[in-house]
Amino acid sequence: MNRLLKFSDEVQNALTNNLPVLALESTIIAHGMPYPENLEVALSLEKLARKNGAVPATIALINGKICIGLDADELHELATAKNVKKASIREISMLLARQQTGATTVAATMFCAHLAGISVFATGGIGGVHRDVEASWDISADLEALQRLPVIVVSAGAKAILDLPKTLEYLETKGVPVYGYGCNELPAFYSRSSGLPIEQIDDVGEIAQRFLLDRNLQLTNGILVANPIPEDAEIPATEIEKAIEKALKAARKQNIYGARLTPFLLKSVVEYTAGKSLQANIKLVENNVVLGVELAKKLQKMQHSHEQNLKKNN
């Protein structure tokens, strides 16, 4: 396994010395935003993580390796290349074998972070159950990953283009804890609330403790920490829903589905909101990185304390 993982010097040093590390996905760079905003956001998110006390580990598949932490050239390549593949878990081995560049989704980032020993991951919004699922059976692999990979995922809920009630119900069925940080309703990505109740926990220490207790109980699930978009960046649900409906109509007309659907819908919503949704996306990801860093720091501190107690007892 070690031969497939390539750590940046910064991330390797942090892991060796038990410093807090925060995983970041790369799909947002290659498929989530246009250039040059995508590169600017990628660099600013890493800078934000460092400023708040954690080492950022942006994850991608490059030259037959799972790269845990990217340098400036690799980030630029992801932001500008036209042939970057969207990599969920099922695509990882294929892209490694072909030595093709792949940008990791939430599911793939969770998988790679877990392989690398990183337990906290900040993203924008997770994938979920798509609208009209009865016809398409389109359900994101992100939900299965949350069931079987022990990683804390910080997001602004699920993407608003999805069927949020079904997504939350699916997570409950799979036994995935969903905790609201500063909210008692599932955030709706661009909007702060959805009307769907979830458990509110405003103490990062308690979230970290519950995560560690799950590990002690030998549970395999991750945890979804739902962190609402800042109030000053929120787009009202009634406003964003109009853009989403137009995007969905365009997708159906152009017969776009599967892996192409989410990037198409997000891009269309940006166009229909004259860029407003892109700015909201940037703000909510920044907000999630800040919270993700706090969770990574708290979890590292608690794990270190536990290890010290074990040494004393032995």
Protein backbone atom coordinates (compact mmCIF):
# COMPACT_ATOMS: atom_id res chain seq x y z
CA MET A 1 0.00 0.00 0.00
CA ASN A 2 2.81 2.41 0.84
CA ARG A 3 4.07 2.34 -2.74
CA LEU A 4 0.73 3.71 -3.94
CA LEU A 5 0.71 6.64 -1.51
CA LYS A 6 2.79 9.74 -2.20
CA PHE A 7 2.91 12.24 0.66
CA SER A 8 4.02 15.83 0.32
CA ASP A 9 6.88 16.71 2.66
CA GLU A 10 4.58 19.00 4.65
CA VAL A 11 1.94 16.32 5.20
CA GLN A 12 4.50 13.59 5.91
CA ASN A 13 6.14 15.77 8.55
CA ALA A 14 2.77 16.52 10.16
CA LEU A 15 1.75 12.86 10.32
CA THR A 16 5.15 11.77 11.63
CA ASN A 17 5.03 14.37 14.39
CA ASN A 18 1.32 13.91 15.26
CA LEU A 19 0.28 17.36 14.07
CA PRO A 20 -3.33 18.04 13.00
CA VAL A 21 -3.98 17.38 9.30
CA LEU A 22 -7.10 18.31 7.32
CA ALA A 23 -8.00 16.46 4.11
CA LEU A 24 -9.32 18.46 1.15
CA GLU A 25 -10.86 17.12 -2.07
CA SER A 26 -9.73 17.93 -5.60
CA THR A 27 -12.98 17.60 -7.56
CA ILE A 28 -13.85 21.13 -6.48
CA ILE A 29 -10.68 22.23 -8.31
CA ALA A 30 -11.05 20.22 -11.51
CA HIS A 31 -14.83 20.08 -11.86
CA GLY A 32 -16.45 22.36 -9.32
CA MET A 33 -15.29 25.82 -10.37
CA PRO A 34 -13.94 27.55 -13.49
CA TYR A 35 -10.32 28.64 -13.88
CA PRO A 36 -8.78 30.78 -12.41
CA GLU A 37 -11.21 30.87 -9.46
CA ASN A 38 -10.64 27.16 -8.83
CA LEU A 39 -6.89 27.58 -8.38
CA GLU A 40 -7.29 30.71 -6.29
CA VAL A 41 -9.78 28.94 -4.03
CA ALA A 42 -7.57 25.84 -3.70
CA LEU A 43 -4.60 27.94 -2.64
CA SER A 44 -6.66 30.11 -0.29
CA LEU A 45 -8.22 27.06 1.42
CA GLU A 46 -4.80 25.59 2.08
CA LYS A 47 -3.60 28.94 3.39
CA LEU A 48 -6.69 29.19 5.61
CA ALA A 49 -6.05 25.75 7.08
CA ARG A 50 -2.43 26.62 7.89
CA LYS A 51 -3.42 29.97 9.39
CA ASN A 52 -5.83 28.23 11.77
CA GLY A 53 -3.36 25.59 12.88
CA ALA A 54 -3.60 22.49 10.66
CA VAL A 55 -1.68 21.12 7.69
CA PRO A 56 -3.83 20.88 4.53
CA ALA A 57 -3.73 17.63 2.55
CA THR A 58 -5.37 18.14 -0.83
CA ILE A 59 -5.81 14.70 -2.37
CA ALA A 60 -5.64 13.66 -6.04
CA LEU A 61 -4.50 10.79 -8.29
CA ILE A 62 -1.41 11.69 -10.33
CA ASN A 63 1.08 9.53 -12.26
CA GLY A 64 -0.08 6.26 -10.75
CA LYS A 65 0.04 7.54 -7.16
CA ILE A 66 -2.49 8.61 -4.56
CA CYS A 67 -1.10 12.02 -3.74
CA ILE A 68 -1.71 13.17 -0.17
CA GLY A 69 -0.84 16.85 -0.32
CA LEU A 70 -0.12 18.66 -3.59
CA ASP A 71 2.57 21.12 -4.61
CA ALA A 72 1.94 24.32 -6.59
CA ASP A 73 2.56 22.67 -9.98
CA GLU A 74 0.17 19.81 -9.23
CA LEU A 75 -2.56 22.21 -8.10
CA HIS A 76 -2.09 24.27 -11.27
CA GLU A 77 -2.32 21.14 -13.42
CA LEU A 78 -5.58 20.11 -11.78
CA ALA A 79 -7.01 23.59 -12.23
CA THR A 80 -6.13 23.96 -15.92
CA ALA A 81 -5.98 20.50 -17.52
CA LYS A 82 -8.89 19.48 -19.75
CA ASN A 83 -8.60 15.71 -19.29
CA VAL A 84 -8.80 15.35 -15.51
CA LYS A 85 -11.07 12.44 -14.66
CA LYS A 86 -13.68 12.60 -11.91
CA ALA A 87 -12.66 9.83 -9.51
CA SER A 88 -14.98 8.17 -7.08
CA ILE A 89 -13.85 5.02 -5.26
CA ARG A 90 -14.59 2.67 -8.15
CA GLU A 91 -12.34 4.67 -10.52
CA ILE A 92 -9.26 4.77 -8.28
CA SER A 93 -7.61 1.52 -9.38
CA MET A 94 -8.34 2.17 -13.06
CA LEU A 95 -6.78 5.64 -12.97
CA LEU A 96 -3.76 4.40 -11.02
CA ALA A 97 -3.23 1.56 -13.51
CA ARG A 98 -3.44 3.95 -16.47
CA GLN A 99 -1.45 6.64 -14.65
CA GLN A 100 -4.17 9.15 -15.48
CA THR A 101 -4.89 12.25 -13.44
CA GLY A 102 -7.99 12.00 -11.28
CA ALA A 103 -9.74 14.54 -9.07
CA THR A 104 -11.22 12.86 -6.02
CA THR A 105 -14.88 13.13 -5.05
CA VAL A 106 -16.03 13.15 -1.44
CA ALA A 107 -16.15 9.34 -1.39
CA ALA A 108 -12.71 8.91 -2.95
CA THR A 109 -11.18 11.60 -0.73
CA MET A 110 -12.56 9.85 2.35
CA PHE A 111 -11.12 6.55 1.14
CA CYS A 112 -7.67 8.00 0.43
CA ALA A 113 -7.62 10.04 3.64
CA HIS A 114 -8.41 6.92 5.66
CA LEU A 115 -5.60 5.01 3.91
CA ALA A 116 -3.25 7.85 4.82
CA GLY A 117 -4.31 7.97 8.47
CA ILE A 118 -6.20 11.29 8.22
CA SER A 119 -9.51 11.42 10.10
CA VAL A 120 -10.99 14.85 9.30
CA PHE A 121 -12.04 16.11 5.87
CA ALA A 122 -13.64 19.44 4.91
CA THR A 123 -15.63 19.85 1.72
CA GLY A 124 -18.43 21.98 0.29
CA GLY A 125 -21.41 19.66 0.23
CA ILE A 126 -21.71 15.90 -0.02
CA GLY A 127 -23.47 14.05 -2.82
CA GLY A 128 -26.66 12.19 -2.06
CA VAL A 129 -29.93 10.93 -3.44
CA HIS A 130 -30.78 12.72 -6.67
CA ARG A 131 -34.19 14.11 -7.47
CA ASP A 132 -36.38 11.71 -9.49
CA VAL A 133 -34.37 8.84 -8.00
CA GLU A 134 -37.32 6.51 -8.65
CA ALA A 135 -36.56 6.80 -12.37
CA SER A 136 -32.76 7.11 -12.33
CA TRP A 137 -31.61 5.23 -9.20
CA ASP A 138 -28.90 7.89 -9.02
CA ILE A 139 -27.50 7.76 -5.47
CA SER A 140 -24.05 9.13 -4.73
CA ALA A 141 -21.29 6.81 -3.54
CA ASP A 142 -20.59 9.48 -0.90
CA LEU A 143 -23.39 8.04 1.23
CA GLU A 144 -21.97 4.51 1.17
CA ALA A 145 -18.53 5.92 1.98
CA LEU A 146 -19.93 7.65 5.04
CA GLN A 147 -21.33 4.32 6.18
CA ARG A 148 -18.08 2.35 5.92
CA LEU A 149 -15.17 4.78 6.23
CA PRO A 150 -14.28 6.24 9.67
CA VAL A 151 -13.73 9.87 8.67
CA ILE A 152 -15.32 13.05 10.02
CA VAL A 153 -16.71 15.00 7.05
CA VAL A 154 -17.49 18.69 7.50
CA SER A 155 -19.88 20.06 4.89
CA ALA A 156 -22.71 22.55 4.39
CA GLY A 157 -25.11 19.62 4.28
CA ALA A 158 -25.78 17.97 0.92
CA LYS A 159 -25.78 19.81 -2.38
CA ALA A 160 -29.06 21.67 -2.90
CA ILE A 161 -29.55 20.10 -6.33
CA LEU A 162 -30.38 16.82 -4.54
CA ASP A 163 -33.42 15.36 -2.83
CA LEU A 164 -32.49 16.38 0.70
CA PRO A 165 -35.22 14.48 2.62
CA LYS A 166 -34.31 11.22 0.89
CA THR A 167 -30.59 11.89 1.38
CA LEU A 168 -31.05 12.38 5.12
CA GLU A 169 -33.27 9.30 5.33
CA TYR A 170 -30.64 7.24 3.49
CA LEU A 171 -27.95 8.34 5.93
CA GLU A 172 -30.18 7.37 8.86
CA THR A 173 -30.84 3.96 7.30
CA LYS A 174 -27.09 3.40 6.92
CA GLY A 175 -26.43 4.39 10.54
CA VAL A 176 -24.44 7.52 9.76
CA PRO A 177 -24.54 10.15 12.54
CA VAL A 178 -25.42 13.63 11.25
CA TYR A 179 -24.65 16.44 13.67
CA GLY A 180 -25.51 20.08 13.16
CA TYR A 181 -22.86 22.55 14.26
CA GLY A 182 -24.68 25.75 15.15
CA CYS A 183 -27.92 24.43 13.65
CA ASN A 184 -30.69 21.94 14.38
CA GLU A 185 -31.74 21.55 10.74
CA LEU A 186 -29.80 20.06 7.85
CA PRO A 187 -28.25 22.97 5.91
CA ALA A 188 -29.23 23.14 2.25
CA PHE A 189 -25.81 24.08 0.87
CA TYR A 190 -26.51 27.61 -0.44
CA SER A 191 -29.17 28.10 2.26
CA ARG A 192 -28.81 27.71 6.02
CA SER A 193 -31.81 25.46 6.63
CA SER A 194 -33.94 22.85 4.93
CA GLY A 195 -36.65 22.20 7.51
CA LEU A 196 -35.16 18.75 8.15
CA PRO A 197 -34.32 18.29 11.87
CA ILE A 198 -30.94 16.91 12.97
CA GLU A 199 -29.12 16.71 16.30
CA GLN A 200 -27.27 19.91 17.21
CA ILE A 201 -23.80 19.70 18.80
CA ASP A 202 -21.86 22.94 19.18
CA ASP A 203 -18.88 21.44 21.03
CA VAL A 204 -16.09 20.12 18.76
CA GLY A 205 -14.79 18.15 21.74
CA GLU A 206 -18.01 16.17 22.00
CA ILE A 207 -18.01 15.44 18.26
CA ALA A 208 -14.40 14.23 18.47
CA GLN A 209 -15.22 12.14 21.55
CA ARG A 210 -18.16 10.48 19.81
CA PHE A 211 -15.93 9.71 16.81
CA LEU A 212 -13.35 8.05 19.07
CA LEU A 213 -16.06 6.13 20.93
CA ASP A 214 -17.30 4.77 17.60
CA ARG A 215 -13.75 3.52 16.96
CA ASN A 216 -13.56 1.92 20.42
CA LEU A 217 -16.85 0.18 19.68
CA GLN A 218 -15.33 -1.07 16.40
CA LEU A 219 -17.95 0.72 14.32
CA THR A 220 -16.83 1.55 10.80
CA ASN A 221 -19.00 4.56 10.04
CA GLY A 222 -17.92 8.12 9.50
CA ILE A 223 -19.64 11.22 10.87
CA LEU A 224 -21.25 14.03 8.88
CA VAL A 225 -20.89 17.42 10.56
CA ALA A 226 -23.37 19.81 8.95
CA ASN A 227 -22.08 23.38 9.10
CA PRO A 228 -24.42 26.04 7.63
CA ILE A 229 -23.20 28.68 5.20
CA PRO A 230 -22.49 32.05 6.89
CA GLU A 231 -25.59 34.25 7.06
CA ASP A 232 -24.10 37.04 4.94
CA ALA A 233 -23.38 34.60 2.09
CA GLU A 234 -26.68 32.70 2.15
CA ILE A 235 -28.93 32.54 -0.92
CA PRO A 236 -32.62 32.19 0.07
CA ALA A 237 -34.03 28.76 -0.76
CA THR A 238 -36.84 30.21 -2.91
CA GLU A 239 -34.29 32.08 -5.03
CA ILE A 240 -31.83 29.23 -5.54
CA GLU A 241 -34.61 26.72 -6.22
CA LYS A 242 -35.60 28.59 -9.38
CA ALA A 243 -32.07 28.27 -10.74
CA ILE A 244 -31.91 24.59 -9.78
CA GLU A 245 -35.20 23.83 -11.57
CA LYS A 246 -33.89 25.50 -14.73
CA ALA A 247 -30.67 23.51 -14.48
CA LEU A 248 -32.53 20.23 -14.00
CA LYS A 249 -34.74 20.98 -16.99
CA ALA A 250 -31.66 21.69 -19.13
CA ALA A 251 -30.02 18.44 -17.98
CA ARG A 252 -33.08 16.40 -18.93
CA LYS A 253 -33.29 18.11 -22.31
CA GLN A 254 -29.61 17.37 -23.05
CA ASN A 255 -29.85 13.81 -21.63
CA ILE A 256 -27.12 14.43 -19.06
CA TYR A 257 -26.93 11.90 -16.25
CA GLY A 258 -24.52 9.85 -14.11
CA ALA A 259 -21.11 11.30 -13.27
CA ARG A 260 -21.68 14.25 -15.62
CA LEU A 261 -24.87 15.40 -13.92
CA THR A 262 -23.62 17.10 -10.75
CA PRO A 263 -20.87 19.18 -12.47
CA PHE A 264 -23.38 20.19 -15.16
CA LEU A 265 -26.02 21.25 -12.63
CA LEU A 266 -23.56 23.23 -10.49
CA LYS A 267 -22.17 25.01 -13.54
CA SER A 268 -25.66 25.80 -14.79
CA VAL A 269 -26.73 27.17 -11.42
CA VAL A 270 -23.70 29.49 -11.47
CA GLU A 271 -24.83 30.80 -14.86
CA TYR A 272 -28.47 31.20 -13.83
CA THR A 273 -27.50 33.11 -10.66
CA ALA A 274 -24.98 35.32 -12.48
CA GLY A 275 -22.13 33.96 -10.38
CA LYS A 276 -23.86 34.44 -7.02
CA SER A 277 -23.91 30.70 -6.30
CA LEU A 278 -20.17 30.44 -6.99
CA GLN A 279 -19.40 33.09 -4.40
CA ALA A 280 -21.71 31.33 -1.93
CA ASN A 281 -19.90 28.06 -2.64
CA ILE A 282 -16.53 29.64 -1.89
CA LYS A 283 -17.76 31.13 1.40
CA LEU A 284 -19.29 27.90 2.64
CA VAL A 285 -16.16 25.88 1.84
CA GLU A 286 -14.01 28.42 3.70
CA ASN A 287 -16.39 28.15 6.66
CA ASN A 288 -16.09 24.36 6.59
CA VAL A 289 -12.29 24.46 6.48
CA VAL A 290 -12.19 26.61 9.61
CA LEU A 291 -14.44 24.16 11.48
CA GLY A 292 -12.55 21.20 10.04
CA VAL A 293 -9.29 22.55 11.42
CA GLU A 294 -10.81 22.92 14.89
CA LEU A 295 -12.03 19.33 14.78
CA ALA A 296 -8.64 18.06 13.54
CA LYS A 297 -6.87 19.91 16.34
CA LYS A 298 -9.25 18.64 19.00
CA LEU A 299 -9.12 15.06 17.73
CA GLN A 300 -5.31 15.09 17.59
CA LYS A 301 -5.13 16.45 21.13
CA MET A 302 -7.52 13.81 22.46
CA GLN A 303 -5.70 10.99 20.68
CA HIS A 304 -2.34 12.22 22.01
CA SER A 305 -3.74 12.40 25.54
CA HIS A 306 -5.09 8.85 25.23
CA GLU A 307 -1.72 7.56 24.02
CA GLN A 308 0.06 9.26 26.91
CA ASN A 309 -2.34 7.68 29.42
CA LEU A 310 -1.73 4.25 27.89
CA LYS A 311 2.02 4.70 28.29
CA LYS A 312 1.60 5.69 31.94
CA ASN A 313 -0.62 2.71 32.65
CA ASN A 314 1.87 0.35 31.02
